[in-house]
Amino acid sequence: MKKNKASCKDVMSHICESLGEEIDSPKCAAIKEHLDNCDGCKNYFQSVELTIDYYRKYRIRLSDKAEHRLLSILNLDHE
């Protein structure tokens, strides 16, 4: 099964749109520079990605309460 991964540009566009900024704005440029150089952010996003991959791969069934808690810990919206 092929995963639909977002490109770095897609992610930055989403972040900037969420902030109401254009992708070439100074604020978005500062965010991109930070993300490119911050090991803490890189580790955080890698752990989120791994958690989501395992969750999908093993088709883990969680109670509503556990799923809500996991999504809250990862700061993800429940859709």
PDB file of N, CA and C in Angstrom:
ATOM      1  N   MET A   1       0.833  -1.172   0.000  1.00  0.00           N
ATOM      2  CA  MET A   1       0.000   0.000   0.000  1.00  0.00           C
ATOM      3  C   MET A   1       0.884   1.245   0.000  1.00  0.00           C
ATOM      4  N   LYS A   2       0.673   2.112  -0.968  1.00  0.00           N
ATOM      5  CA  LYS A   2       1.486   3.310  -1.103  1.00  0.00           C
ATOM      6  C   LYS A   2       0.911   4.422  -0.228  1.00  0.00           C
ATOM      7  N   LYS A   3       1.797   5.056   0.536  1.00  0.00           N
ATOM      8  CA  LYS A   3       1.382   6.148   1.396  1.00  0.00           C
ATOM      9  C   LYS A   3       1.434   7.453   0.623  1.00  0.00           C
ATOM     10  N   ASN A   4       0.480   8.326   0.900  1.00  0.00           N
ATOM     11  CA  ASN A   4       0.487   9.663   0.335  1.00  0.00           C
ATOM     12  C   ASN A   4       1.184  10.581   1.320  1.00  0.00           C
ATOM     13  N   LYS A   5       2.466  10.808   1.101  1.00  0.00           N
ATOM     14  CA  LYS A   5       3.241  11.663   1.987  1.00  0.00           C
ATOM     15  C   LYS A   5       3.225  13.087   1.456  1.00  0.00           C
ATOM     16  N   ALA A   6       3.100  14.008   2.375  1.00  0.00           N
ATOM     17  CA  ALA A   6       3.150  15.409   2.008  1.00  0.00           C
ATOM     18  C   ALA A   6       4.598  15.822   1.786  1.00  0.00           C
ATOM     19  N   SER A   7       4.801  16.694   0.829  1.00  0.00           N
ATOM     20  CA  SER A   7       6.138  17.220   0.600  1.00  0.00           C
ATOM     21  C   SER A   7       6.417  18.314   1.624  1.00  0.00           C
ATOM     22  N   CYS A   8       7.673  18.681   1.745  1.00  0.00           N
ATOM     23  CA  CYS A   8       8.046  19.763   2.660  1.00  0.00           C
ATOM     24  C   CYS A   8       7.311  21.053   2.281  1.00  0.00           C
ATOM     25  N   LYS A   9       7.198  21.299   0.990  1.00  0.00           N
ATOM     26  CA  LYS A   9       6.496  22.504   0.534  1.00  0.00           C
ATOM     27  C   LYS A   9       5.025  22.447   0.934  1.00  0.00           C
ATOM     28  N   ASP A  10       4.390  21.279   0.819  1.00  0.00           N
ATOM     29  CA  ASP A  10       2.998  21.124   1.228  1.00  0.00           C
ATOM     30  C   ASP A  10       2.839  21.428   2.717  1.00  0.00           C
ATOM     31  N   VAL A  11       3.747  20.909   3.521  1.00  0.00           N
ATOM     32  CA  VAL A  11       3.685  21.125   4.971  1.00  0.00           C
ATOM     33  C   VAL A  11       3.845  22.603   5.283  1.00  0.00           C
ATOM     34  N   MET A  12       4.846  23.244   4.680  1.00  0.00           N
ATOM     35  CA  MET A  12       5.055  24.665   4.932  1.00  0.00           C
ATOM     36  C   MET A  12       3.857  25.483   4.468  1.00  0.00           C
ATOM     37  N   SER A  13       3.269  25.126   3.334  1.00  0.00           N
ATOM     38  CA  SER A  13       2.081  25.835   2.858  1.00  0.00           C
ATOM     39  C   SER A  13       0.948  25.703   3.862  1.00  0.00           C
ATOM     40  N   HIS A  14       0.766  24.516   4.391  1.00  0.00           N
ATOM     41  CA  HIS A  14      -0.289  24.287   5.383  1.00  0.00           C
ATOM     42  C   HIS A  14      -0.035  25.104   6.647  1.00  0.00           C
ATOM     43  N   ILE A  15       1.189  25.083   7.132  1.00  0.00           N
ATOM     44  CA  ILE A  15       1.531  25.851   8.335  1.00  0.00           C
ATOM     45  C   ILE A  15       1.283  27.335   8.088  1.00  0.00           C
ATOM     46  N   CYS A  16       1.766  27.845   6.969  1.00  0.00           N
ATOM     47  CA  CYS A  16       1.612  29.270   6.673  1.00  0.00           C
ATOM     48  C   CYS A  16       0.144  29.654   6.477  1.00  0.00           C
ATOM     49  N   GLU A  17      -0.607  28.817   5.779  1.00  0.00           N
ATOM     50  CA  GLU A  17      -2.034  29.082   5.606  1.00  0.00           C
ATOM     51  C   GLU A  17      -2.747  29.106   6.953  1.00  0.00           C
ATOM     52  N   SER A  18      -2.363  28.184   7.835  1.00  0.00           N
ATOM     53  CA  SER A  18      -2.972  28.126   9.162  1.00  0.00           C
ATOM     54  C   SER A  18      -2.692  29.401   9.954  1.00  0.00           C
ATOM     55  N   LEU A  19      -1.560  30.022   9.690  1.00  0.00           N
ATOM     56  CA  LEU A  19      -1.190  31.263  10.368  1.00  0.00           C
ATOM     57  C   LEU A  19      -1.703  32.499   9.636  1.00  0.00           C
ATOM     58  N   GLY A  20      -2.338  32.278   8.482  1.00  0.00           N
ATOM     59  CA  GLY A  20      -2.811  33.407   7.682  1.00  0.00           C
ATOM     60  C   GLY A  20      -1.676  34.148   7.006  1.00  0.00           C
ATOM     61  N   GLU A  21      -0.616  33.434   6.697  1.00  0.00           N
ATOM     62  CA  GLU A  21       0.582  34.029   6.092  1.00  0.00           C
ATOM     63  C   GLU A  21       0.817  33.458   4.693  1.00  0.00           C
ATOM     64  N   GLU A  22       1.490  34.244   3.862  1.00  0.00           N
ATOM     65  CA  GLU A  22       1.944  33.758   2.560  1.00  0.00           C
ATOM     66  C   GLU A  22       3.208  32.932   2.781  1.00  0.00           C
ATOM     67  N   ILE A  23       3.449  31.953   1.919  1.00  0.00           N
ATOM     68  CA  ILE A  23       4.590  31.049   2.109  1.00  0.00           C
ATOM     69  C   ILE A  23       5.925  31.792   2.056  1.00  0.00           C
ATOM     70  N   ASP A  24       5.980  32.921   1.360  1.00  0.00           N
ATOM     71  CA  ASP A  24       7.248  33.660   1.280  1.00  0.00           C
ATOM     72  C   ASP A  24       7.326  34.813   2.286  1.00  0.00           C
ATOM     73  N   SER A  25       6.431  34.825   3.261  1.00  0.00           N
ATOM     74  CA  SER A  25       6.450  35.882   4.276  1.00  0.00           C
ATOM     75  C   SER A  25       7.638  35.688   5.221  1.00  0.00           C
ATOM     76  N   PRO A  26       8.075  36.742   5.882  1.00  0.00           N
ATOM     77  CA  PRO A  26       9.173  36.619   6.848  1.00  0.00           C
ATOM     78  C   PRO A  26       8.863  35.615   7.969  1.00  0.00           C
ATOM     79  N   LYS A  27       7.621  35.586   8.431  1.00  0.00           N
ATOM     80  CA  LYS A  27       7.250  34.657   9.508  1.00  0.00           C
ATOM     81  C   LYS A  27       7.413  33.209   9.043  1.00  0.00           C
ATOM     82  N   CYS A  28       6.963  32.891   7.836  1.00  0.00           N
ATOM     83  CA  CYS A  28       7.091  31.521   7.330  1.00  0.00           C
ATOM     84  C   CYS A  28       8.545  31.173   7.032  1.00  0.00           C
ATOM     85  N   ALA A  29       9.315  32.142   6.580  1.00  0.00           N
ATOM     86  CA  ALA A  29      10.743  31.894   6.353  1.00  0.00           C
ATOM     87  C   ALA A  29      11.436  31.563   7.675  1.00  0.00           C
ATOM     88  N   ALA A  30      11.060  32.275   8.742  1.00  0.00           N
ATOM     89  CA  ALA A  30      11.658  32.005  10.058  1.00  0.00           C
ATOM     90  C   ALA A  30      11.251  30.629  10.570  1.00  0.00           C
ATOM     91  N   ILE A  31       9.993  30.233  10.345  1.00  0.00           N
ATOM     92  CA  ILE A  31       9.534  28.907  10.763  1.00  0.00           C
ATOM     93  C   ILE A  31      10.295  27.829  10.011  1.00  0.00           C
ATOM     94  N   LYS A  32      10.440  27.996   8.691  1.00  0.00           N
ATOM     95  CA  LYS A  32      11.160  27.003   7.888  1.00  0.00           C
ATOM     96  C   LYS A  32      12.609  26.884   8.359  1.00  0.00           C
ATOM     97  N   GLU A  33      13.253  28.012   8.608  1.00  0.00           N
ATOM     98  CA  GLU A  33      14.636  27.969   9.080  1.00  0.00           C
ATOM     99  C   GLU A  33      14.728  27.232  10.421  1.00  0.00           C
ATOM    100  N   HIS A  34      13.792  27.515  11.313  1.00  0.00           N
ATOM    101  CA  HIS A  34      13.788  26.832  12.603  1.00  0.00           C
ATOM    102  C   HIS A  34      13.618  25.326  12.430  1.00  0.00           C
ATOM    103  N   LEU A  35      12.622  24.928  11.642  1.00  0.00           N
ATOM    104  CA  LEU A  35      12.362  23.495  11.441  1.00  0.00           C
ATOM    105  C   LEU A  35      13.537  22.785  10.776  1.00  0.00           C
ATOM    106  N   ASP A  36      14.231  23.492   9.886  1.00  0.00           N
ATOM    107  CA  ASP A  36      15.397  22.905   9.214  1.00  0.00           C
ATOM    108  C   ASP A  36      16.554  22.661  10.173  1.00  0.00           C
ATOM    109  N   ASN A  37      16.613  23.443  11.258  1.00  0.00           N
ATOM    110  CA  ASN A  37      17.784  23.398  12.139  1.00  0.00           C
ATOM    111  C   ASN A  37      17.514  22.908  13.551  1.00  0.00           C
ATOM    112  N   CYS A  38      16.280  22.590  13.885  1.00  0.00           N
ATOM    113  CA  CYS A  38      15.947  22.228  15.264  1.00  0.00           C
ATOM    114  C   CYS A  38      15.810  20.712  15.412  1.00  0.00           C
ATOM    115  N   ASP A  39      16.754  20.101  16.132  1.00  0.00           N
ATOM    116  CA  ASP A  39      16.694  18.652  16.354  1.00  0.00           C
ATOM    117  C   ASP A  39      15.453  18.258  17.154  1.00  0.00           C
ATOM    118  N   GLY A  40      15.040  19.111  18.098  1.00  0.00           N
ATOM    119  CA  GLY A  40      13.851  18.817  18.893  1.00  0.00           C
ATOM    120  C   GLY A  40      12.606  18.696  18.015  1.00  0.00           C
ATOM    121  N   CYS A  41      12.432  19.624  17.088  1.00  0.00           N
ATOM    122  CA  CYS A  41      11.281  19.576  16.174  1.00  0.00           C
ATOM    123  C   CYS A  41      11.376  18.371  15.240  1.00  0.00           C
ATOM    124  N   LYS A  42      12.564  18.113  14.737  1.00  0.00           N
ATOM    125  CA  LYS A  42      12.747  16.958  13.855  1.00  0.00           C
ATOM    126  C   LYS A  42      12.385  15.667  14.591  1.00  0.00           C
ATOM    127  N   ASN A  43      12.843  15.533  15.825  1.00  0.00           N
ATOM    128  CA  ASN A  43      12.534  14.343  16.617  1.00  0.00           C
ATOM    129  C   ASN A  43      11.038  14.243  16.907  1.00  0.00           C
ATOM    130  N   TYR A  44      10.418  15.366  17.234  1.00  0.00           N
ATOM    131  CA  TYR A  44       8.979  15.372  17.512  1.00  0.00           C
ATOM    132  C   TYR A  44       8.198  14.890  16.287  1.00  0.00           C
ATOM    133  N   PHE A  45       8.475  15.488  15.121  1.00  0.00           N
ATOM    134  CA  PHE A  45       7.733  15.106  13.925  1.00  0.00           C
ATOM    135  C   PHE A  45       8.018  13.667  13.514  1.00  0.00           C
ATOM    136  N   GLN A  46       9.236  13.194  13.748  1.00  0.00           N
ATOM    137  CA  GLN A  46       9.551  11.798  13.447  1.00  0.00           C
ATOM    138  C   GLN A  46       8.761  10.869  14.370  1.00  0.00           C
ATOM    139  N   SER A  47       8.644  11.209  15.637  1.00  0.00           N
ATOM    140  CA  SER A  47       7.889  10.355  16.564  1.00  0.00           C
ATOM    141  C   SER A  47       6.409  10.357  16.232  1.00  0.00           C
ATOM    142  N   VAL A  48       5.873  11.503  15.817  1.00  0.00           N
ATOM    143  CA  VAL A  48       4.467  11.554  15.397  1.00  0.00           C
ATOM    144  C   VAL A  48       4.265  10.679  14.165  1.00  0.00           C
ATOM    145  N   GLU A  49       5.163  10.792  13.199  1.00  0.00           N
ATOM    146  CA  GLU A  49       5.058   9.998  11.976  1.00  0.00           C
ATOM    147  C   GLU A  49       5.120   8.496  12.276  1.00  0.00           C
ATOM    148  N   LEU A  50       6.053   8.092  13.136  1.00  0.00           N
ATOM    149  CA  LEU A  50       6.170   6.675  13.495  1.00  0.00           C
ATOM    150  C   LEU A  50       4.918   6.177  14.217  1.00  0.00           C
ATOM    151  N   THR A  51       4.392   6.975  15.117  1.00  0.00           N
ATOM    152  CA  THR A  51       3.179   6.591  15.840  1.00  0.00           C
ATOM    153  C   THR A  51       2.021   6.396  14.871  1.00  0.00           C
ATOM    154  N   ILE A  52       1.851   7.311  13.954  1.00  0.00           N
ATOM    155  CA  ILE A  52       0.771   7.205  12.964  1.00  0.00           C
ATOM    156  C   ILE A  52       0.983   5.988  12.067  1.00  0.00           C
ATOM    157  N   ASP A  53       2.229   5.755  11.636  1.00  0.00           N
ATOM    158  CA  ASP A  53       2.526   4.588  10.793  1.00  0.00           C
ATOM    159  C   ASP A  53       2.180   3.282  11.509  1.00  0.00           C
ATOM    160  N   TYR A  54       2.596   3.147  12.780  1.00  0.00           N
ATOM    161  CA  TYR A  54       2.281   1.935  13.549  1.00  0.00           C
ATOM    162  C   TYR A  54       0.781   1.793  13.751  1.00  0.00           C
ATOM    163  N   TYR A  55       0.139   2.875  14.041  1.00  0.00           N
ATOM    164  CA  TYR A  55      -1.311   2.886  14.268  1.00  0.00           C
ATOM    165  C   TYR A  55      -2.037   2.348  13.034  1.00  0.00           C
ATOM    166  N   ARG A  56      -1.598   2.806  11.842  1.00  0.00           N
ATOM    167  CA  ARG A  56      -2.227   2.360  10.590  1.00  0.00           C
ATOM    168  C   ARG A  56      -1.805   0.938  10.219  1.00  0.00           C
ATOM    169  N   LYS A  57      -0.506   0.661  10.341  1.00  0.00           N
ATOM    170  CA  LYS A  57       0.030  -0.634   9.924  1.00  0.00           C
ATOM    171  C   LYS A  57      -0.599  -1.792  10.692  1.00  0.00           C
ATOM    172  N   TYR A  58      -0.689  -1.638  11.985  1.00  0.00           N
ATOM    173  CA  TYR A  58      -1.196  -2.718  12.817  1.00  0.00           C
ATOM    174  C   TYR A  58      -2.689  -2.623  13.094  1.00  0.00           C
ATOM    175  N   ARG A  59      -3.326  -1.640  12.471  1.00  0.00           N
ATOM    176  CA  ARG A  59      -4.782  -1.456  12.599  1.00  0.00           C
ATOM    177  C   ARG A  59      -5.229  -1.581  14.054  1.00  0.00           C
ATOM    178  N   ILE A  60      -4.548  -0.844  14.871  1.00  0.00           N
ATOM    179  CA  ILE A  60      -4.809  -0.879  16.310  1.00  0.00           C
ATOM    180  C   ILE A  60      -6.194  -0.318  16.596  1.00  0.00           C
ATOM    181  N   ARG A  61      -6.931  -1.045  17.396  1.00  0.00           N
ATOM    182  CA  ARG A  61      -8.255  -0.588  17.825  1.00  0.00           C
ATOM    183  C   ARG A  61      -8.128  -0.072  19.249  1.00  0.00           C
ATOM    184  N   LEU A  62      -8.475   1.170  19.430  1.00  0.00           N
ATOM    185  CA  LEU A  62      -8.427   1.782  20.745  1.00  0.00           C
ATOM    186  C   LEU A  62      -9.829   2.171  21.182  1.00  0.00           C
ATOM    187  N   SER A  63     -10.023   2.224  22.476  1.00  0.00           N
ATOM    188  CA  SER A  63     -11.288   2.748  22.964  1.00  0.00           C
ATOM    189  C   SER A  63     -11.344   4.230  22.579  1.00  0.00           C
ATOM    190  N   ASP A  64     -12.538   4.794  22.554  1.00  0.00           N
ATOM    191  CA  ASP A  64     -12.673   6.206  22.213  1.00  0.00           C
ATOM    192  C   ASP A  64     -11.842   7.081  23.149  1.00  0.00           C
ATOM    193  N   LYS A  65     -11.838   6.725  24.435  1.00  0.00           N
ATOM    194  CA  LYS A  65     -11.093   7.496  25.417  1.00  0.00           C
ATOM    195  C   LYS A  65      -9.586   7.432  25.134  1.00  0.00           C
ATOM    196  N   ALA A  66      -9.069   6.245  24.836  1.00  0.00           N
ATOM    197  CA  ALA A  66      -7.638   6.080  24.557  1.00  0.00           C
ATOM    198  C   ALA A  66      -7.253   6.788  23.262  1.00  0.00           C
ATOM    199  N   GLU A  67      -8.095   6.682  22.247  1.00  0.00           N
ATOM    200  CA  GLU A  67      -7.803   7.355  20.978  1.00  0.00           C
ATOM    201  C   GLU A  67      -7.787   8.871  21.174  1.00  0.00           C
ATOM    202  N   HIS A  68      -8.757   9.379  21.909  1.00  0.00           N
ATOM    203  CA  HIS A  68      -8.812  10.822  22.180  1.00  0.00           C
ATOM    204  C   HIS A  68      -7.553  11.270  22.924  1.00  0.00           C
ATOM    205  N   ARG A  69      -7.121  10.487  23.894  1.00  0.00           N
ATOM    206  CA  ARG A  69      -5.918  10.832  24.669  1.00  0.00           C
ATOM    207  C   ARG A  69      -4.681  10.823  23.773  1.00  0.00           C
ATOM    208  N   LEU A  70      -4.540   9.801  22.909  1.00  0.00           N
ATOM    209  CA  LEU A  70      -3.407   9.729  21.994  1.00  0.00           C
ATOM    210  C   LEU A  70      -3.383  10.948  21.079  1.00  0.00           C
ATOM    211  N   LEU A  71      -4.520  11.277  20.488  1.00  0.00           N
ATOM    212  CA  LEU A  71      -4.578  12.424  19.588  1.00  0.00           C
ATOM    213  C   LEU A  71      -4.280  13.719  20.338  1.00  0.00           C
ATOM    214  N   SER A  72      -4.723  13.809  21.586  1.00  0.00           N
ATOM    215  CA  SER A  72      -4.441  14.993  22.389  1.00  0.00           C
ATOM    216  C   SER A  72      -2.951  15.117  22.689  1.00  0.00           C
ATOM    217  N   ILE A  73      -2.319  14.009  23.036  1.00  0.00           N
ATOM    218  CA  ILE A  73      -0.880  14.019  23.330  1.00  0.00           C
ATOM    219  C   ILE A  73      -0.088  14.441  22.091  1.00  0.00           C
ATOM    220  N   LEU A  74      -0.525  13.997  20.920  1.00  0.00           N
ATOM    221  CA  LEU A  74       0.167  14.318  19.677  1.00  0.00           C
ATOM    222  C   LEU A  74      -0.249  15.672  19.103  1.00  0.00           C
ATOM    223  N   ASN A  75      -1.191  16.336  19.806  1.00  0.00           N
ATOM    224  CA  ASN A  75      -1.712  17.634  19.343  1.00  0.00           C
ATOM    225  C   ASN A  75      -2.298  17.548  17.949  1.00  0.00           C
ATOM    226  N   LEU A  76      -3.050  16.469  17.691  1.00  0.00           N
ATOM    227  CA  LEU A  76      -3.711  16.271  16.405  1.00  0.00           C
ATOM    228  C   LEU A  76      -5.209  16.404  16.588  1.00  0.00           C
ATOM    229  N   ASP A  77      -5.845  16.987  15.595  1.00  0.00           N
ATOM    230  CA  ASP A  77      -7.300  17.083  15.625  1.00  0.00           C
ATOM    231  C   ASP A  77      -7.900  15.729  15.316  1.00  0.00           C
ATOM    232  N   HIS A  78      -8.963  15.404  15.996  1.00  0.00           N
ATOM    233  CA  HIS A  78      -9.684  14.167  15.701  1.00  0.00           C
ATOM    234  C   HIS A  78     -10.671  14.455  14.594  1.00  0.00           C
ATOM    235  N   GLU A  79     -10.511  13.801  13.462  1.00  0.00           N
ATOM    236  CA  GLU A  79     -11.400  14.020  12.306  1.00  0.00           C
ATOM    237  C   GLU A  79     -12.221  12.807  12.060  1.00  0.00           C
TER     238      GLU A  79
END
